[in-house]
Amino acid sequence: MSRARLTRLAALELAAAARVIARDNPPAARGLRATVAEALGRLGRYPESGTARPELAAPPVRFWFMQRYPYVLIYDSEARPPLVLRVVHAARDLPALLR
Protein backbone atom coordinates (compact mmCIF):
# COMPACT_ATOMS: atom_id res chain seq x y z
CA MET A 1 0.00 0.00 0.00
CA SER A 2 1.14 3.56 -0.58
CA ARG A 3 2.00 6.20 1.99
CA ALA A 4 -0.65 8.23 3.76
CA ARG A 5 -1.28 11.68 2.27
CA LEU A 6 -1.55 15.10 3.89
CA THR A 7 -4.49 17.38 3.21
CA ARG A 8 -3.60 20.92 2.25
CA LEU A 9 -4.44 22.07 5.79
CA ALA A 10 -2.24 19.36 7.35
CA ALA A 11 0.65 20.28 5.02
CA LEU A 12 0.28 23.94 6.00
CA GLU A 13 0.21 23.04 9.69
CA LEU A 14 3.34 20.91 9.34
CA ALA A 15 5.15 23.68 7.45
CA ALA A 16 4.18 26.25 10.10
CA ALA A 17 5.36 23.99 12.93
CA ALA A 18 8.67 23.32 11.18
CA ARG A 19 9.18 27.07 10.59
CA VAL A 20 8.65 27.86 14.27
CA ILE A 21 10.97 25.08 15.41
CA ALA A 22 13.63 26.02 12.83
CA ARG A 23 14.01 29.50 14.34
CA ASP A 24 15.76 27.96 17.34
CA ASN A 25 16.72 24.48 16.17
CA PRO A 26 16.95 23.74 12.42
CA PRO A 27 17.96 20.09 12.97
CA ALA A 28 14.85 19.53 15.11
CA ALA A 29 12.68 21.02 12.36
CA ARG A 30 14.19 18.62 9.84
CA GLY A 31 13.66 15.82 12.37
CA LEU A 32 9.99 16.71 12.70
CA ARG A 33 9.55 16.53 8.92
CA ALA A 34 11.42 13.21 8.77
CA THR A 35 9.33 11.79 11.63
CA VAL A 36 6.12 12.80 9.87
CA ALA A 37 7.40 11.21 6.64
CA GLU A 38 8.09 7.97 8.54
CA ALA A 39 4.61 8.11 10.07
CA LEU A 40 3.04 8.59 6.63
CA GLY A 41 4.75 5.41 5.46
CA ARG A 42 3.64 3.46 8.52
CA LEU A 43 0.05 4.70 8.34
CA GLY A 44 -0.05 3.79 4.67
CA ARG A 45 0.99 0.22 5.52
CA TYR A 46 -0.98 -0.08 8.77
CA PRO A 47 -3.90 2.37 8.69
CA GLU A 48 -5.43 1.01 11.90
CA SER A 49 -2.22 1.52 13.92
CA GLY A 50 -3.32 4.88 15.31
CA THR A 51 -5.56 5.32 18.33
CA ALA A 52 -9.33 5.57 18.00
CA ARG A 53 -10.69 8.36 20.18
CA PRO A 54 -14.46 8.27 19.64
CA GLU A 55 -14.96 10.94 22.30
CA LEU A 56 -13.00 13.32 20.05
CA ALA A 57 -13.88 12.19 16.54
CA ALA A 58 -16.10 9.50 15.07
CA PRO A 59 -14.52 6.56 13.28
CA PRO A 60 -12.79 6.26 10.87
CA VAL A 61 -10.79 9.18 12.31
CA ARG A 62 -7.76 8.01 14.30
CA PHE A 63 -4.87 9.70 16.08
CA TRP A 64 -1.15 9.06 15.69
CA PHE A 65 0.82 10.50 18.62
CA MET A 66 4.43 10.98 17.58
CA GLN A 67 7.02 9.82 20.09
CA ARG A 68 9.92 12.24 19.63
CA TYR A 69 7.83 15.34 18.95
CA PRO A 70 4.73 16.71 20.70
CA TYR A 71 2.53 16.53 17.60
CA VAL A 72 -0.50 14.47 16.68
CA LEU A 73 -1.50 13.34 13.21
CA ILE A 74 -5.28 13.19 12.94
CA TYR A 75 -6.22 10.98 10.01
CA ASP A 76 -8.95 9.14 8.16
CA SER A 77 -7.99 5.48 8.36
CA GLU A 78 -10.53 4.33 5.76
CA ALA A 79 -9.37 6.63 2.95
CA ARG A 80 -7.12 4.87 0.46
CA PRO A 81 -4.41 5.85 0.97
CA PRO A 82 -5.07 7.10 4.52
CA LEU A 83 -5.53 10.86 4.66
CA VAL A 84 -3.95 13.02 7.37
CA LEU A 85 -6.49 15.73 8.11
CA ARG A 86 -4.54 17.75 10.68
CA VAL A 87 -1.05 18.04 12.18
CA VAL A 88 -1.47 19.65 15.59
CA HIS A 89 0.59 20.23 18.70
CA ALA A 90 -0.43 17.78 21.42
CA ALA A 91 -0.86 20.60 23.93
CA ARG A 92 -3.72 22.08 21.92
CA ASP A 93 -7.26 21.63 23.17
CA LEU A 94 -8.21 18.73 20.89
CA PRO A 95 -11.91 18.65 21.82
CA ALA A 96 -12.27 22.37 21.00
CA LEU A 97 -10.16 22.02 17.87
CA LEU A 98 -12.25 19.16 16.52
CA ARG A 99 -15.73 20.57 17.22
PDB file of N, CA and C in Angstrom:
ATOM      1  N   MET A   1       0.842  -1.171   0.000  1.00  0.00           N
ATOM      2  CA  MET A   1       0.000   0.000   0.000  1.00  0.00           C
ATOM      3  C   MET A   1       0.890   1.238   0.000  1.00  0.00           C
ATOM      4  N   SER A   2       0.356   2.336  -0.499  1.00  0.00           N
ATOM      5  CA  SER A   2       1.136   3.559  -0.581  1.00  0.00           C
ATOM      6  C   SER A   2       1.136   4.309   0.744  1.00  0.00           C
ATOM      7  N   ARG A   3       1.901   5.363   0.792  1.00  0.00           N
ATOM      8  CA  ARG A   3       1.995   6.199   1.986  1.00  0.00           C
ATOM      9  C   ARG A   3       0.707   6.976   2.206  1.00  0.00           C
ATOM     10  N   ALA A   4       0.459   7.337   3.448  1.00  0.00           N
ATOM     11  CA  ALA A   4      -0.654   8.232   3.757  1.00  0.00           C
ATOM     12  C   ALA A   4      -0.358   9.590   3.122  1.00  0.00           C
ATOM     13  N   ARG A   5      -1.424  10.341   2.868  1.00  0.00           N
ATOM     14  CA  ARG A   5      -1.284  11.676   2.268  1.00  0.00           C
ATOM     15  C   ARG A   5      -1.670  12.736   3.286  1.00  0.00           C
ATOM     16  N   LEU A   6      -1.167  13.943   3.079  1.00  0.00           N
ATOM     17  CA  LEU A   6      -1.545  15.098   3.893  1.00  0.00           C
ATOM     18  C   LEU A   6      -2.566  15.926   3.132  1.00  0.00           C
ATOM     19  N   THR A   7      -3.608  16.391   3.824  1.00  0.00           N
ATOM     20  CA  THR A   7      -4.489  17.378   3.206  1.00  0.00           C
ATOM     21  C   THR A   7      -3.705  18.683   3.097  1.00  0.00           C
ATOM     22  N   ARG A   8      -4.253  19.612   2.360  1.00  0.00           N
ATOM     23  CA  ARG A   8      -3.597  20.919   2.247  1.00  0.00           C
ATOM     24  C   ARG A   8      -3.452  21.556   3.624  1.00  0.00           C
ATOM     25  N   LEU A   9      -4.498  21.492   4.445  1.00  0.00           N
ATOM     26  CA  LEU A   9      -4.440  22.065   5.791  1.00  0.00           C
ATOM     27  C   LEU A   9      -3.343  21.402   6.619  1.00  0.00           C
ATOM     28  N   ALA A  10      -3.266  20.084   6.586  1.00  0.00           N
ATOM     29  CA  ALA A  10      -2.242  19.364   7.347  1.00  0.00           C
ATOM     30  C   ALA A  10      -0.844  19.745   6.873  1.00  0.00           C
ATOM     31  N   ALA A  11      -0.658  19.877   5.566  1.00  0.00           N
ATOM     32  CA  ALA A  11       0.648  20.275   5.024  1.00  0.00           C
ATOM     33  C   ALA A  11       1.015  21.680   5.488  1.00  0.00           C
ATOM     34  N   LEU A  12       0.031  22.577   5.513  1.00  0.00           N
ATOM     35  CA  LEU A  12       0.281  23.942   5.995  1.00  0.00           C
ATOM     36  C   LEU A  12       0.619  23.943   7.481  1.00  0.00           C
ATOM     37  N   GLU A  13      -0.077  23.120   8.260  1.00  0.00           N
ATOM     38  CA  GLU A  13       0.205  23.040   9.693  1.00  0.00           C
ATOM     39  C   GLU A  13       1.604  22.484   9.946  1.00  0.00           C
ATOM     40  N   LEU A  14       2.001  21.472   9.194  1.00  0.00           N
ATOM     41  CA  LEU A  14       3.340  20.911   9.337  1.00  0.00           C
ATOM     42  C   LEU A  14       4.395  21.951   8.968  1.00  0.00           C
ATOM     43  N   ALA A  15       4.195  22.652   7.878  1.00  0.00           N
ATOM     44  CA  ALA A  15       5.153  23.675   7.453  1.00  0.00           C
ATOM     45  C   ALA A  15       5.275  24.777   8.506  1.00  0.00           C
ATOM     46  N   ALA A  16       4.150  25.203   9.073  1.00  0.00           N
ATOM     47  CA  ALA A  16       4.180  26.245  10.099  1.00  0.00           C
ATOM     48  C   ALA A  16       4.932  25.762  11.339  1.00  0.00           C
ATOM     49  N   ALA A  17       4.677  24.541  11.761  1.00  0.00           N
ATOM     50  CA  ALA A  17       5.361  23.991  12.933  1.00  0.00           C
ATOM     51  C   ALA A  17       6.864  23.909  12.678  1.00  0.00           C
ATOM     52  N   ALA A  18       7.248  23.433  11.509  1.00  0.00           N
ATOM     53  CA  ALA A  18       8.673  23.319  11.175  1.00  0.00           C
ATOM     54  C   ALA A  18       9.331  24.697  11.133  1.00  0.00           C
ATOM     55  N   ARG A  19       8.629  25.700  10.622  1.00  0.00           N
ATOM     56  CA  ARG A  19       9.181  27.065  10.594  1.00  0.00           C
ATOM     57  C   ARG A  19       9.442  27.591  12.004  1.00  0.00           C
ATOM     58  N   VAL A  20       8.483  27.390  12.888  1.00  0.00           N
ATOM     59  CA  VAL A  20       8.645  27.864  14.267  1.00  0.00           C
ATOM     60  C   VAL A  20       9.818  27.148  14.936  1.00  0.00           C
ATOM     61  N   ILE A  21       9.887  25.855  14.799  1.00  0.00           N
ATOM     62  CA  ILE A  21      10.970  25.078  15.410  1.00  0.00           C
ATOM     63  C   ILE A  21      12.322  25.469  14.826  1.00  0.00           C
ATOM     64  N   ALA A  22      12.372  25.710  13.513  1.00  0.00           N
ATOM     65  CA  ALA A  22      13.633  26.019  12.829  1.00  0.00           C
ATOM     66  C   ALA A  22      14.254  27.328  13.303  1.00  0.00           C
ATOM     67  N   ARG A  23      13.458  28.228  13.832  1.00  0.00           N
ATOM     68  CA  ARG A  23      14.015  29.498  14.340  1.00  0.00           C
ATOM     69  C   ARG A  23      15.066  29.244  15.410  1.00  0.00           C
ATOM     70  N   ASP A  24      14.830  28.266  16.252  1.00  0.00           N
ATOM     71  CA  ASP A  24      15.755  27.961  17.344  1.00  0.00           C
ATOM     72  C   ASP A  24      16.584  26.705  17.112  1.00  0.00           C
ATOM     73  N   ASN A  25      16.052  25.785  16.299  1.00  0.00           N
ATOM     74  CA  ASN A  25      16.715  24.484  16.172  1.00  0.00           C
ATOM     75  C   ASN A  25      16.433  23.872  14.795  1.00  0.00           C
ATOM     76  N   PRO A  26      17.180  24.290  13.770  1.00  0.00           N
ATOM     77  CA  PRO A  26      16.946  23.743  12.424  1.00  0.00           C
ATOM     78  C   PRO A  26      17.021  22.216  12.339  1.00  0.00           C
ATOM     79  N   PRO A  27      17.966  21.553  13.034  1.00  0.00           N
ATOM     80  CA  PRO A  27      17.956  20.085  12.968  1.00  0.00           C
ATOM     81  C   PRO A  27      16.676  19.467  13.515  1.00  0.00           C
ATOM     82  N   ALA A  28      16.102  20.065  14.555  1.00  0.00           N
ATOM     83  CA  ALA A  28      14.849  19.534  15.108  1.00  0.00           C
ATOM     84  C   ALA A  28      13.714  19.710  14.116  1.00  0.00           C
ATOM     85  N   ALA A  29      13.715  20.809  13.380  1.00  0.00           N
ATOM     86  CA  ALA A  29      12.678  21.025  12.363  1.00  0.00           C
ATOM     87  C   ALA A  29      12.783  19.971  11.268  1.00  0.00           C
ATOM     88  N   ARG A  30      14.006  19.683  10.848  1.00  0.00           N
ATOM     89  CA  ARG A  30      14.195  18.615   9.843  1.00  0.00           C
ATOM     90  C   ARG A  30      13.771  17.269  10.424  1.00  0.00           C
ATOM     91  N   GLY A  31      14.061  17.066  11.706  1.00  0.00           N
ATOM     92  CA  GLY A  31      13.661  15.821  12.368  1.00  0.00           C
ATOM     93  C   GLY A  31      12.153  15.669  12.426  1.00  0.00           C
ATOM     94  N   LEU A  32      11.449  16.760  12.693  1.00  0.00           N
ATOM     95  CA  LEU A  32       9.993  16.709  12.697  1.00  0.00           C
ATOM     96  C   LEU A  32       9.475  16.278  11.334  1.00  0.00           C
ATOM     97  N   ARG A  33       9.987  16.897  10.278  1.00  0.00           N
ATOM     98  CA  ARG A  33       9.546  16.528   8.922  1.00  0.00           C
ATOM     99  C   ARG A  33       9.862  15.063   8.622  1.00  0.00           C
ATOM    100  N   ALA A  34      11.040  14.612   9.018  1.00  0.00           N
ATOM    101  CA  ALA A  34      11.418  13.211   8.773  1.00  0.00           C
ATOM    102  C   ALA A  34      10.524  12.262   9.563  1.00  0.00           C
ATOM    103  N   THR A  35      10.197  12.629  10.800  1.00  0.00           N
ATOM    104  CA  THR A  35       9.332  11.785  11.627  1.00  0.00           C
ATOM    105  C   THR A  35       7.933  11.702  11.033  1.00  0.00           C
ATOM    106  N   VAL A  36       7.435  12.819  10.529  1.00  0.00           N
ATOM    107  CA  VAL A  36       6.118  12.802   9.869  1.00  0.00           C
ATOM    108  C   VAL A  36       6.186  11.931   8.620  1.00  0.00           C
ATOM    109  N   ALA A  37       7.263  12.044   7.843  1.00  0.00           N
ATOM    110  CA  ALA A  37       7.399  11.207   6.645  1.00  0.00           C
ATOM    111  C   ALA A  37       7.399   9.722   7.004  1.00  0.00           C
ATOM    112  N   GLU A  38       8.088   9.365   8.081  1.00  0.00           N
ATOM    113  CA  GLU A  38       8.086   7.969   8.545  1.00  0.00           C
ATOM    114  C   GLU A  38       6.675   7.541   8.935  1.00  0.00           C
ATOM    115  N   ALA A  39       5.975   8.421   9.649  1.00  0.00           N
ATOM    116  CA  ALA A  39       4.607   8.107  10.074  1.00  0.00           C
ATOM    117  C   ALA A  39       3.689   7.923   8.871  1.00  0.00           C
ATOM    118  N   LEU A  40       3.865   8.731   7.830  1.00  0.00           N
ATOM    119  CA  LEU A  40       3.038   8.587   6.629  1.00  0.00           C
ATOM    120  C   LEU A  40       3.242   7.216   5.989  1.00  0.00           C
ATOM    121  N   GLY A  41       4.476   6.743   5.984  1.00  0.00           N
ATOM    122  CA  GLY A  41       4.746   5.407   5.462  1.00  0.00           C
ATOM    123  C   GLY A  41       4.096   4.329   6.310  1.00  0.00           C
ATOM    124  N   ARG A  42       4.230   4.460   7.616  1.00  0.00           N
ATOM    125  CA  ARG A  42       3.643   3.458   8.515  1.00  0.00           C
ATOM    126  C   ARG A  42       2.123   3.447   8.413  1.00  0.00           C
ATOM    127  N   LEU A  43       1.512   4.641   8.414  1.00  0.00           N
ATOM    128  CA  LEU A  43       0.052   4.704   8.335  1.00  0.00           C
ATOM    129  C   LEU A  43      -0.453   4.184   6.992  1.00  0.00           C
ATOM    130  N   GLY A  44       0.330   4.352   5.954  1.00  0.00           N
ATOM    131  CA  GLY A  44      -0.048   3.786   4.668  1.00  0.00           C
ATOM    132  C   GLY A  44      -0.056   2.265   4.696  1.00  0.00           C
ATOM    133  N   ARG A  45       0.908   1.689   5.407  1.00  0.00           N
ATOM    134  CA  ARG A  45       0.994   0.223   5.518  1.00  0.00           C
ATOM    135  C   ARG A  45       0.015  -0.336   6.550  1.00  0.00           C
ATOM    136  N   TYR A  46      -0.162   0.394   7.645  1.00  0.00           N
ATOM    137  CA  TYR A  46      -0.981  -0.079   8.766  1.00  0.00           C
ATOM    138  C   TYR A  46      -1.961   1.015   9.187  1.00  0.00           C
ATOM    139  N   PRO A  47      -2.998   1.241   8.417  1.00  0.00           N
ATOM    140  CA  PRO A  47      -3.895   2.367   8.686  1.00  0.00           C
ATOM    141  C   PRO A  47      -4.625   2.299  10.025  1.00  0.00           C
ATOM    142  N   GLU A  48      -4.736   1.135  10.607  1.00  0.00           N
ATOM    143  CA  GLU A  48      -5.426   1.009  11.900  1.00  0.00           C
ATOM    144  C   GLU A  48      -4.468   1.147  13.078  1.00  0.00           C
ATOM    145  N   SER A  49      -3.207   1.495  12.828  1.00  0.00           N
ATOM    146  CA  SER A  49      -2.223   1.523  13.916  1.00  0.00           C
ATOM    147  C   SER A  49      -2.385   2.714  14.850  1.00  0.00           C
ATOM    148  N   GLY A  50      -3.071   3.743  14.433  1.00  0.00           N
ATOM    149  CA  GLY A  50      -3.324   4.882  15.312  1.00  0.00           C
ATOM    150  C   GLY A  50      -4.384   4.552  16.347  1.00  0.00           C
ATOM    151  N   THR A  51      -4.611   5.493  17.236  1.00  0.00           N
ATOM    152  CA  THR A  51      -5.559   5.317  18.329  1.00  0.00           C
ATOM    153  C   THR A  51      -6.929   5.865  17.953  1.00  0.00           C
ATOM    154  N   ALA A  52      -7.960   5.074  18.163  1.00  0.00           N
ATOM    155  CA  ALA A  52      -9.328   5.567  17.998  1.00  0.00           C
ATOM    156  C   ALA A  52      -9.678   6.360  19.247  1.00  0.00           C
ATOM    157  N   ARG A  53     -10.241   7.529  19.062  1.00  0.00           N
ATOM    158  CA  ARG A  53     -10.686   8.360  20.185  1.00  0.00           C
ATOM    159  C   ARG A  53     -12.101   8.822  19.890  1.00  0.00           C
ATOM    160  N   PRO A  54     -13.085   7.936  20.023  1.00  0.00           N
ATOM    161  CA  PRO A  54     -14.457   8.267  19.640  1.00  0.00           C
ATOM    162  C   PRO A  54     -15.043   9.451  20.403  1.00  0.00           C
ATOM    163  N   GLU A  55     -14.478   9.769  21.566  1.00  0.00           N
ATOM    164  CA  GLU A  55     -14.957  10.938  22.300  1.00  0.00           C
ATOM    165  C   GLU A  55     -14.502  12.246  21.647  1.00  0.00           C
ATOM    166  N   LEU A  56     -13.506  12.142  20.764  1.00  0.00           N
ATOM    167  CA  LEU A  56     -12.998  13.324  20.052  1.00  0.00           C
ATOM    168  C   LEU A  56     -13.469  13.388  18.607  1.00  0.00           C
ATOM    169  N   ALA A  57     -13.500  12.228  17.951  1.00  0.00           N
ATOM    170  CA  ALA A  57     -13.880  12.186  16.537  1.00  0.00           C
ATOM    171  C   ALA A  57     -14.415  10.799  16.222  1.00  0.00           C
ATOM    172  N   ALA A  58     -15.468  10.776  15.441  1.00  0.00           N
ATOM    173  CA  ALA A  58     -16.096   9.503  15.071  1.00  0.00           C
ATOM    174  C   ALA A  58     -15.186   8.706  14.138  1.00  0.00           C
ATOM    175  N   PRO A  59     -15.237   7.382  14.242  1.00  0.00           N
ATOM    176  CA  PRO A  59     -14.520   6.556  13.285  1.00  0.00           C
ATOM    177  C   PRO A  59     -14.974   6.913  11.871  1.00  0.00           C
ATOM    178  N   PRO A  60     -14.103   6.889  10.929  1.00  0.00           N
ATOM    179  CA  PRO A  60     -12.793   6.258  10.873  1.00  0.00           C
ATOM    180  C   PRO A  60     -11.630   7.169  11.252  1.00  0.00           C
ATOM    181  N   VAL A  61     -11.886   8.284  11.924  1.00  0.00           N
ATOM    182  CA  VAL A  61     -10.793   9.177  12.308  1.00  0.00           C
ATOM    183  C   VAL A  61     -10.011   8.539  13.449  1.00  0.00           C
ATOM    184  N   ARG A  62      -8.666   8.565  13.290  1.00  0.00           N
ATOM    185  CA  ARG A  62      -7.763   8.005  14.296  1.00  0.00           C
ATOM    186  C   ARG A  62      -6.661   9.022  14.569  1.00  0.00           C
ATOM    187  N   PHE A  63      -5.895   8.763  15.621  1.00  0.00           N
ATOM    188  CA  PHE A  63      -4.868   9.696  16.079  1.00  0.00           C
ATOM    189  C   PHE A  63      -3.523   8.978  16.177  1.00  0.00           C
ATOM    190  N   TRP A  64      -2.503   9.594  15.602  1.00  0.00           N
ATOM    191  CA  TRP A  64      -1.147   9.060  15.691  1.00  0.00           C
ATOM    192  C   TRP A  64      -0.329  10.052  16.503  1.00  0.00           C
ATOM    193  N   PHE A  65       0.032   9.658  17.737  1.00  0.00           N
ATOM    194  CA  PHE A  65       0.816  10.505  18.621  1.00  0.00           C
ATOM    195  C   PHE A  65       2.292  10.201  18.380  1.00  0.00           C
ATOM    196  N   MET A  66       3.020  11.189  17.900  1.00  0.00           N
ATOM    197  CA  MET A  66       4.432  10.980  17.581  1.00  0.00           C
ATOM    198  C   MET A  66       5.240  10.891  18.869  1.00  0.00           C
ATOM    199  N   GLN A  67       6.271  10.081  18.864  1.00  0.00           N
ATOM    200  CA  GLN A  67       7.022   9.820  20.086  1.00  0.00           C
ATOM    201  C   GLN A  67       8.092  10.873  20.368  1.00  0.00           C
ATOM    202  N   ARG A  68       8.811  11.311  19.372  1.00  0.00           N
ATOM    203  CA  ARG A  68       9.915  12.243  19.632  1.00  0.00           C
ATOM    204  C   ARG A  68       9.498  13.700  19.574  1.00  0.00           C
ATOM    205  N   TYR A  69       8.303  13.964  19.102  1.00  0.00           N
ATOM    206  CA  TYR A  69       7.825  15.337  18.948  1.00  0.00           C
ATOM    207  C   TYR A  69       6.416  15.437  19.507  1.00  0.00           C
ATOM    208  N   PRO A  70       6.054  16.584  20.091  1.00  0.00           N
ATOM    209  CA  PRO A  70       4.727  16.712  20.704  1.00  0.00           C
ATOM    210  C   PRO A  70       3.646  17.083  19.690  1.00  0.00           C
ATOM    211  N   TYR A  71       3.536  16.284  18.640  1.00  0.00           N
ATOM    212  CA  TYR A  71       2.533  16.530  17.604  1.00  0.00           C
ATOM    213  C   TYR A  71       1.687  15.294  17.394  1.00  0.00           C
ATOM    214  N   VAL A  72       0.471  15.536  16.941  1.00  0.00           N
ATOM    215  CA  VAL A  72      -0.498  14.473  16.685  1.00  0.00           C
ATOM    216  C   VAL A  72      -0.919  14.566  15.231  1.00  0.00           C
ATOM    217  N   LEU A  73      -0.924  13.420  14.558  1.00  0.00           N
ATOM    218  CA  LEU A  73      -1.497  13.344  13.211  1.00  0.00           C
ATOM    219  C   LEU A  73      -2.916  12.830  13.372  1.00  0.00           C
ATOM    220  N   ILE A  74      -3.869  13.581  12.892  1.00  0.00           N
ATOM    221  CA  ILE A  74      -5.276  13.192  12.944  1.00  0.00           C
ATOM    222  C   ILE A  74      -5.633  12.760  11.532  1.00  0.00           C
ATOM    223  N   TYR A  75      -6.076  11.506  11.373  1.00  0.00           N
ATOM    224  CA  TYR A  75      -6.217  10.984  10.013  1.00  0.00           C
ATOM    225  C   TYR A  75      -7.445  10.104   9.832  1.00  0.00           C
ATOM    226  N   ASP A  76      -7.839  10.004   8.579  1.00  0.00           N
ATOM    227  CA  ASP A  76      -8.946   9.143   8.157  1.00  0.00           C
ATOM    228  C   ASP A  76      -8.345   7.799   7.772  1.00  0.00           C
ATOM    229  N   SER A  77      -8.594   6.791   8.592  1.00  0.00           N
ATOM    230  CA  SER A  77      -7.988   5.480   8.365  1.00  0.00           C
ATOM    231  C   SER A  77      -8.651   4.679   7.249  1.00  0.00           C
ATOM    232  N   GLU A  78      -9.846   5.079   6.824  1.00  0.00           N
ATOM    233  CA  GLU A  78     -10.531   4.332   5.764  1.00  0.00           C
ATOM    234  C   GLU A  78     -10.251   4.871   4.369  1.00  0.00           C
ATOM    235  N   ALA A  79      -9.741   6.080   4.264  1.00  0.00           N
ATOM    236  CA  ALA A  79      -9.375   6.626   2.952  1.00  0.00           C
ATOM    237  C   ALA A  79      -8.239   5.767   2.389  1.00  0.00           C
ATOM    238  N   ARG A  80      -8.185   5.642   1.102  1.00  0.00           N
ATOM    239  CA  ARG A  80      -7.118   4.865   0.460  1.00  0.00           C
ATOM    240  C   ARG A  80      -6.396   5.720  -0.555  1.00  0.00           C
ATOM    241  N   PRO A  81      -5.149   6.113  -0.255  1.00  0.00           N
ATOM    242  CA  PRO A  81      -4.414   5.846   0.974  1.00  0.00           C
ATOM    243  C   PRO A  81      -4.971   6.674   2.128  1.00  0.00           C
ATOM    244  N   PRO A  82      -4.592   6.324   3.374  1.00  0.00           N
ATOM    245  CA  PRO A  82      -5.073   7.103   4.517  1.00  0.00           C
ATOM    246  C   PRO A  82      -4.770   8.591   4.326  1.00  0.00           C
ATOM    247  N   LEU A  83      -5.624   9.421   4.876  1.00  0.00           N
ATOM    248  CA  LEU A  83      -5.532  10.863   4.658  1.00  0.00           C
ATOM    249  C   LEU A  83      -5.355  11.578   5.999  1.00  0.00           C
ATOM    250  N   VAL A  84      -4.216  12.247   6.162  1.00  0.00           N
ATOM    251  CA  VAL A  84      -3.954  13.022   7.367  1.00  0.00           C
ATOM    252  C   VAL A  84      -4.697  14.344   7.231  1.00  0.00           C
ATOM    253  N   LEU A  85      -5.621  14.557   8.148  1.00  0.00           N
ATOM    254  CA  LEU A  85      -6.486  15.733   8.108  1.00  0.00           C
ATOM    255  C   LEU A  85      -5.859  16.935   8.792  1.00  0.00           C
ATOM    256  N   ARG A  86      -5.137  16.669   9.881  1.00  0.00           N
ATOM    257  CA  ARG A  86      -4.544  17.751  10.676  1.00  0.00           C
ATOM    258  C   ARG A  86      -3.209  17.290  11.239  1.00  0.00           C
ATOM    259  N   VAL A  87      -2.303  18.244  11.455  1.00  0.00           N
ATOM    260  CA  VAL A  87      -1.050  18.037  12.184  1.00  0.00           C
ATOM    261  C   VAL A  87      -1.063  19.096  13.277  1.00  0.00           C
ATOM    262  N   VAL A  88      -1.293  18.679  14.516  1.00  0.00           N
ATOM    263  CA  VAL A  88      -1.470  19.653  15.592  1.00  0.00           C
ATOM    264  C   VAL A  88      -0.567  19.340  16.781  1.00  0.00           C
ATOM    265  N   HIS A  89      -0.208  20.390  17.500  1.00  0.00           N
ATOM    266  CA  HIS A  89       0.594  20.234  18.704  1.00  0.00           C
ATOM    267  C   HIS A  89      -0.269  19.523  19.746  1.00  0.00           C
ATOM    268  N   ALA A  90       0.310  18.587  20.448  1.00  0.00           N
ATOM    269  CA  ALA A  90      -0.435  17.775  21.417  1.00  0.00           C
ATOM    270  C   ALA A  90      -0.949  18.590  22.596  1.00  0.00           C
ATOM    271  N   ALA A  91      -0.396  19.763  22.831  1.00  0.00           N
ATOM    272  CA  ALA A  91      -0.856  20.601  23.934  1.00  0.00           C
ATOM    273  C   ALA A  91      -2.120  21.388  23.576  1.00  0.00           C
ATOM    274  N   ARG A  92      -2.507  21.364  22.314  1.00  0.00           N
ATOM    275  CA  ARG A  92      -3.719  22.079  21.917  1.00  0.00           C
ATOM    276  C   ARG A  92      -4.930  21.396  22.537  1.00  0.00           C
ATOM    277  N   ASP A  93      -5.996  22.143  22.640  1.00  0.00           N
ATOM    278  CA  ASP A  93      -7.259  21.633  23.167  1.00  0.00           C
ATOM    279  C   ASP A  93      -7.936  20.844  22.046  1.00  0.00           C
ATOM    280  N   LEU A  94      -7.678  19.550  21.988  1.00  0.00           N
ATOM    281  CA  LEU A  94      -8.208  18.730  20.888  1.00  0.00           C
ATOM    282  C   LEU A  94      -9.729  18.733  20.816  1.00  0.00           C
ATOM    283  N   PRO A  95     -10.447  18.615  21.940  1.00  0.00           N
ATOM    284  CA  PRO A  95     -11.913  18.652  21.820  1.00  0.00           C
ATOM    285  C   PRO A  95     -12.415  19.955  21.176  1.00  0.00           C
ATOM    286  N   ALA A  96     -11.854  21.083  21.587  1.00  0.00           N
ATOM    287  CA  ALA A  96     -12.269  22.365  21.004  1.00  0.00           C
ATOM    288  C   ALA A  96     -11.861  22.457  19.533  1.00  0.00           C
ATOM    289  N   LEU A  97     -10.679  21.973  19.236  1.00  0.00           N
ATOM    290  CA  LEU A  97     -10.161  22.020  17.866  1.00  0.00           C
ATOM    291  C   LEU A  97     -11.023  21.206  16.899  1.00  0.00           C
ATOM    292  N   LEU A  98     -11.545  20.085  17.393  1.00  0.00           N
ATOM    293  CA  LEU A  98     -12.254  19.156  16.519  1.00  0.00           C
ATOM    294  C   LEU A  98     -13.774  19.351  16.513  1.00  0.00           C
ATOM    295  N   ARG A  99     -14.284  20.327  17.225  1.00  0.00           N
ATOM    296  CA  ARG A  99     -15.728  20.575  17.221  1.00  0.00           C
ATOM    297  C   ARG A  99     -16.180  21.032  15.870  1.00  0.00           C
TER     298      ARG A  99
END
